[in-house]
Every structure is written in structure tokens, then in C-alpha cells.
């Protein structure tokens, strides 16, 4: 669990990457695989940036047998 406030889509993506890495490190190998793949998927990172830049949220879900981890980045407003 955690929260990170930023007005920068790029910093939001960096937060998603860090949290994904932390979660994947704690999962068994089979359950970590989707997160590890996402970490190296540059095209998906660009898509996430495009969504957030356009004002749309982006969601990534990881899970194991008992727990679902939902990472969400969405715009909260314009910088002051």
C-alpha cells in the first residue's frame, strides 16, 4: 500500500515501476512474471504515459493466490 502525489505523468510512471518491482520481488516466480514483464515493456510504459498525459488513469493489477495488488495512477489536477 502507498500513495504518491505528483503532477508529472513521468514521475507517476516511475512510482508505478518502483511499486511493481517491490511487489514482484515478494511474489513467487510464477506470479511475479507479469509484473517483471511489465517492467521491461517500453511500449506499455509509453501507453501509460499517453493515458496519464491525456488525463486518463492507468491501472496495473498483480496477484497471487490470496492477494490482488492494484496500482493506479490518475490525474488529480493541474500544477499550480
Protein backbone atom coordinates (compact mmCIF):
# COMPACT_ATOMS: atom_id res chain seq x y z
CA UNK A 1 0.00 0.00 0.00
CA UNK A 2 1.09 3.51 -0.57
CA UNK A 3 0.38 6.81 -2.13
CA UNK A 4 2.47 9.23 -4.12
CA UNK A 5 1.20 12.63 -5.25
CA UNK A 6 2.73 14.28 -8.31
CA UNK A 7 1.57 16.40 -11.21
CA UNK A 8 4.05 14.73 -13.57
CA UNK A 9 2.94 11.67 -15.59
CA UNK A 10 6.59 10.64 -15.91
CA UNK A 11 7.07 10.67 -12.12
CA UNK A 12 3.81 8.76 -11.72
CA UNK A 13 5.14 6.12 -14.12
CA UNK A 14 8.38 5.92 -12.14
CA UNK A 15 6.33 5.33 -8.98
CA UNK A 16 4.37 2.56 -10.74
CA UNK A 17 7.65 0.94 -11.80
CA UNK A 18 9.12 1.10 -8.29
CA UNK A 19 5.99 -0.33 -6.66
CA UNK A 20 5.72 -3.05 -9.31
CA UNK A 21 9.35 -4.02 -8.70
CA UNK A 22 8.77 -4.18 -4.91
CA UNK A 23 5.66 -6.31 -5.29
CA UNK A 24 7.19 -8.64 -7.89
CA UNK A 25 10.21 -9.19 -5.60
CA UNK A 26 7.85 -10.53 -2.93
CA UNK A 27 5.81 -12.86 -5.14
CA UNK A 28 6.59 -16.43 -6.13
CA UNK A 29 8.21 -16.64 -9.56
CA UNK A 30 5.06 -17.65 -11.47
CA UNK A 31 3.02 -14.78 -10.01
CA UNK A 32 5.88 -12.27 -10.39
CA UNK A 33 6.21 -12.95 -14.13
CA UNK A 34 3.51 -10.48 -15.35
CA UNK A 35 4.99 -7.69 -13.24
CA UNK A 36 8.53 -8.45 -14.40
CA UNK A 37 7.34 -8.44 -17.99
CA UNK A 38 5.56 -5.11 -17.48
CA UNK A 39 8.79 -3.61 -16.09
CA UNK A 40 10.55 -4.24 -19.41
CA UNK A 41 7.64 -3.37 -21.71
CA UNK A 42 8.63 0.05 -23.10
CA UNK A 43 5.60 0.20 -25.40
CA UNK A 44 3.28 -0.26 -22.42
CA UNK A 45 5.15 2.43 -20.49
CA UNK A 46 4.61 4.84 -23.39
CA UNK A 47 0.93 3.91 -23.44
CA UNK A 48 0.66 4.58 -19.70
CA UNK A 49 2.34 7.97 -20.18
CA UNK A 50 -0.01 8.82 -23.03
CA UNK A 51 -3.05 7.94 -20.89
CA UNK A 52 -1.87 9.99 -17.95
CA UNK A 53 -0.83 12.94 -20.11
CA UNK A 54 -4.28 12.93 -21.71
CA UNK A 55 -5.92 12.99 -18.28
CA UNK A 56 -6.94 9.33 -18.16
CA UNK A 57 -5.99 6.99 -15.34
CA UNK A 58 -3.81 3.91 -15.76
CA UNK A 59 -4.15 0.67 -13.79
CA UNK A 60 -1.89 -2.34 -13.35
CA UNK A 61 -3.07 -5.39 -11.41
CA UNK A 62 -0.80 -8.10 -9.99
CA UNK A 63 -1.95 -11.02 -7.88
CA UNK A 64 -1.04 -14.24 -6.18
CA UNK A 65 -3.22 -16.99 -4.71
CA UNK A 66 -4.65 -14.83 -1.93
CA UNK A 67 -4.00 -11.19 -2.73
CA UNK A 68 -4.67 -8.73 -5.52
CA UNK A 69 -2.41 -5.67 -5.88
CA UNK A 70 -3.99 -2.86 -7.88
CA UNK A 71 -1.66 0.01 -8.79
CA UNK A 72 -3.46 3.06 -10.10
CA UNK A 73 -2.19 6.39 -11.39
CA UNK A 74 -4.66 9.10 -12.29
CA UNK A 75 -4.61 12.87 -12.70
CA UNK A 76 -5.71 14.92 -9.71
CA UNK A 77 -5.44 18.36 -11.25
CA UNK A 78 -3.13 20.78 -12.98
CA UNK A 79 0.09 22.05 -11.43
CA UNK A 80 -0.25 25.41 -9.67
